[in-house]
Amino acid sequence: MTDNNLSFSMEALFQQLLQRGKEQGVTQQDAYNDLVEEVIENHRAIGEIDTDDATEDMEAQLRGRWLDYQDLLQETSSEIDSL
């Protein structure tokens, strides 16, 4: 599967992960990995990802952004604390 076939970008998926993670209070890597699977499955359920498409690479790329996710959560928390 190539990103050219997707109706969304990997960055858009990551932003969804970030938003949902904030809403659900996800702060642990295991919960983040579960959230990655959930977001991908949601896109599969609405037909944006074909059920025959392998998603392992997509999952690996998003799981690999765990440190980015943590950094962005900390930035958001710092911004809220400074208000």
Protein backbone atom coordinates (compact mmCIF):
# COMPACT_ATOMS: atom_id res chain seq x y z
CA MET A 1 0.00 0.00 0.00
CA THR A 2 1.30 3.44 -0.84
CA ASP A 3 0.38 6.75 0.71
CA ASN A 4 -0.67 7.94 -2.75
CA ASN A 5 -3.79 5.78 -2.48
CA LEU A 6 -4.92 7.27 0.82
CA SER A 7 -7.51 10.00 1.13
CA PHE A 8 -5.59 11.32 4.14
CA SER A 9 -1.95 11.80 5.05
CA MET A 10 0.13 10.15 7.73
CA GLU A 11 0.39 13.57 9.37
CA ALA A 12 -3.40 13.83 9.45
CA LEU A 13 -3.56 10.42 11.13
CA PHE A 14 -0.96 11.53 13.67
CA GLN A 15 -2.96 14.69 14.41
CA GLN A 16 -6.02 12.49 15.02
CA LEU A 17 -3.94 10.36 17.38
CA LEU A 18 -2.80 13.47 19.21
CA GLN A 19 -6.34 14.82 19.56
CA ARG A 20 -7.85 11.51 20.69
CA GLY A 21 -4.94 10.85 22.99
CA LYS A 22 -5.47 14.19 24.71
CA GLU A 23 -9.21 13.53 25.02
CA GLN A 24 -8.66 10.04 26.43
CA GLY A 25 -5.72 10.96 28.66
CA VAL A 26 -3.30 8.61 26.90
CA THR A 27 0.13 9.00 28.51
CA GLN A 28 1.57 5.48 28.29
CA GLN A 29 3.13 3.91 25.21
CA ASP A 30 0.98 0.76 25.38
CA ALA A 31 -2.18 2.86 25.37
CA TYR A 32 -0.76 4.95 22.51
CA ASN A 33 -0.09 1.79 20.49
CA ASP A 34 -3.67 0.64 21.12
CA LEU A 35 -4.89 4.04 19.97
CA VAL A 36 -2.87 3.71 16.75
CA GLU A 37 -4.71 0.47 15.98
CA GLU A 38 -8.06 2.04 16.90
CA VAL A 39 -7.59 5.04 14.59
CA ILE A 40 -6.51 2.84 11.68
CA GLU A 41 -9.44 0.48 12.24
CA ASN A 42 -11.84 3.44 12.32
CA HIS A 43 -10.57 4.53 8.91
CA ARG A 44 -10.93 0.97 7.68
CA ALA A 45 -14.51 0.81 9.01
CA ILE A 46 -15.56 3.92 7.10
CA GLY A 47 -13.91 2.69 3.92
CA GLU A 48 -10.92 5.03 3.78
CA ILE A 49 -8.61 2.04 4.06
CA ASP A 50 -9.46 -1.05 2.04
CA THR A 51 -9.93 -4.18 4.14
CA ASP A 52 -7.39 -5.94 1.92
CA ASP A 53 -4.69 -3.32 2.48
CA ALA A 54 -1.89 -4.23 4.83
CA THR A 55 -1.51 -1.61 7.53
CA GLU A 56 1.64 -2.85 9.26
CA ASP A 57 3.85 -0.13 7.74
CA MET A 58 1.32 2.54 8.63
CA GLU A 59 1.09 1.26 12.20
CA ALA A 60 4.88 1.07 12.49
CA GLN A 61 5.28 4.66 11.26
CA LEU A 62 2.68 5.97 13.70
CA ARG A 63 4.03 3.93 16.61
CA GLY A 64 7.45 5.35 15.77
CA ARG A 65 6.09 8.81 16.54
CA TRP A 66 5.58 8.04 20.23
CA LEU A 67 8.29 10.52 21.26
CA ASP A 68 6.73 13.22 19.05
CA TYR A 69 3.39 12.49 20.71
CA GLN A 70 4.92 12.82 24.18
CA ASP A 71 6.64 16.09 23.27
CA LEU A 72 3.45 17.59 21.87
CA LEU A 73 1.47 16.53 24.94
CA GLN A 74 4.04 18.23 27.18
CA GLU A 75 3.95 21.39 25.06
CA THR A 76 0.16 21.48 25.30
CA SER A 77 0.27 20.93 29.06
CA SER A 78 2.82 23.73 29.45
CA GLU A 79 0.67 26.10 27.40
CA ILE A 80 -2.39 25.30 29.52
CA ASP A 81 -0.44 25.68 32.77
CA SER A 82 0.81 29.12 31.74
CA LEU A 83 -2.71 30.50 31.22
